[in-house]
Protein backbone atom coordinates (compact mmCIF):
# COMPACT_ATOMS: atom_id res chain seq x y z
CA MET A 1 114.55 94.41 84.34
CA ALA A 2 113.94 91.42 85.94
CA LYS A 3 110.08 91.05 86.60
CA GLY A 4 108.50 89.90 90.34
CA PHE A 5 107.05 86.73 91.80
CA VAL A 6 102.95 88.48 91.69
CA GLU A 7 104.18 89.74 87.90
CA GLU A 8 104.76 86.47 86.57
CA LEU A 9 101.68 85.10 88.39
CA VAL A 10 99.76 87.56 86.45
CA ASP A 11 100.76 86.78 83.44
CA ASN A 12 100.41 82.88 83.89
CA VAL A 13 96.53 83.18 83.42
CA ILE A 14 95.08 79.69 82.24
CA GLU A 15 91.18 80.89 82.90
CA LYS A 16 89.51 83.82 83.63
CA ASP A 17 85.75 83.76 84.28
CA ASP A 18 82.90 85.82 85.96
CA GLU A 19 83.25 84.20 89.62
CA GLN A 20 87.37 82.89 89.08
CA THR A 21 90.73 83.93 88.15
CA THR A 22 93.24 80.39 87.40
CA PHE A 23 96.64 81.10 87.67
CA ARG A 24 99.32 78.51 87.40
CA VAL A 25 102.10 79.45 90.05
CA PRO A 26 105.59 80.02 88.50
CA SER A 27 107.48 76.73 90.29
CA LYS A 28 110.52 74.29 89.22
CA ARG A 29 109.76 71.99 91.91
CA GLU A 30 105.98 71.58 91.22
CA ASN A 31 102.98 71.94 88.76
CA LEU A 32 100.99 74.49 91.47
CA VAL A 33 97.47 75.86 89.99
CA LEU A 34 95.90 78.30 92.30
CA ARG A 35 91.94 79.39 91.61
CA VAL A 36 91.26 82.82 93.41
CA ASP A 37 87.71 84.76 93.16
CA ASN A 38 88.09 87.60 91.49
CA ASP A 39 86.51 90.41 94.17
CA LEU A 40 89.34 88.62 96.43
CA LEU A 41 91.78 89.16 93.15
CA SER A 42 90.80 93.08 93.98
CA LYS A 43 91.92 93.08 97.74
CA PHE A 44 95.31 91.02 96.71
CA SER A 45 95.86 93.97 93.80
CA ASN A 46 95.90 96.46 96.26
CA GLY A 47 98.92 94.97 98.77
CA ASN A 48 100.77 92.66 96.63
CA ALA A 49 103.00 91.74 99.50
CA LYS A 50 100.07 90.07 100.63
CA LEU A 51 99.82 87.63 97.66
CA GLU A 52 103.11 87.42 97.90
CA LYS A 53 103.49 85.71 101.18
CA MET A 54 100.34 83.50 100.44
CA LEU A 55 102.21 82.03 97.64
CA ARG A 56 105.52 81.72 99.55
CA ASN A 57 103.84 79.65 102.51
CA LEU A 58 101.93 77.39 100.10
CA LEU A 59 105.42 76.79 98.17
CA ARG A 60 107.35 76.71 101.21
CA ASN A 61 105.17 74.07 103.32
CA ARG A 62 103.72 71.32 100.00
CA SER A 63 104.41 67.83 100.37
CA ALA A 64 106.89 66.20 98.69
CA LYS A 65 105.04 63.17 97.30
CA ASN A 66 102.57 66.16 95.48
CA LYS A 67 103.96 67.17 91.98
CA ARG A 68 100.39 68.66 90.82
CA GLU A 69 98.08 70.67 93.33
CA VAL A 70 95.12 72.85 92.39
CA ILE A 71 94.38 75.55 95.57
CA ASN A 72 91.28 76.85 95.54
CA ILE A 73 91.17 80.12 97.49
CA ASN A 74 87.58 82.08 97.96
CA LYS A 75 86.03 84.23 100.99
CA ARG A 76 85.91 81.62 103.39
CA ASN A 77 89.16 80.32 103.78
CA TYR A 78 91.57 82.93 102.29
CA LYS A 79 92.78 84.20 105.88
CA ILE A 80 94.27 80.94 106.52
CA PHE A 81 96.72 81.24 103.66
CA LEU A 82 97.98 84.36 105.32
């Protein structure tokens, strides 16, 4: 059975500490790194549809010139990405 987009993201953990978890987003077009606060990660794990929608929007709205991007998602700015 093929993995879903969110399952691939969870498998690509680069770094995890007490405050943030860093993921490498599975994308063929660019090197996108996503840093998410751990308290928001528990909120996203309840509804994977929100997290997947946010990531799809980030990948769709990327600049053609960017090949590498690091996005920080915290309590203050996560509603912008939804």
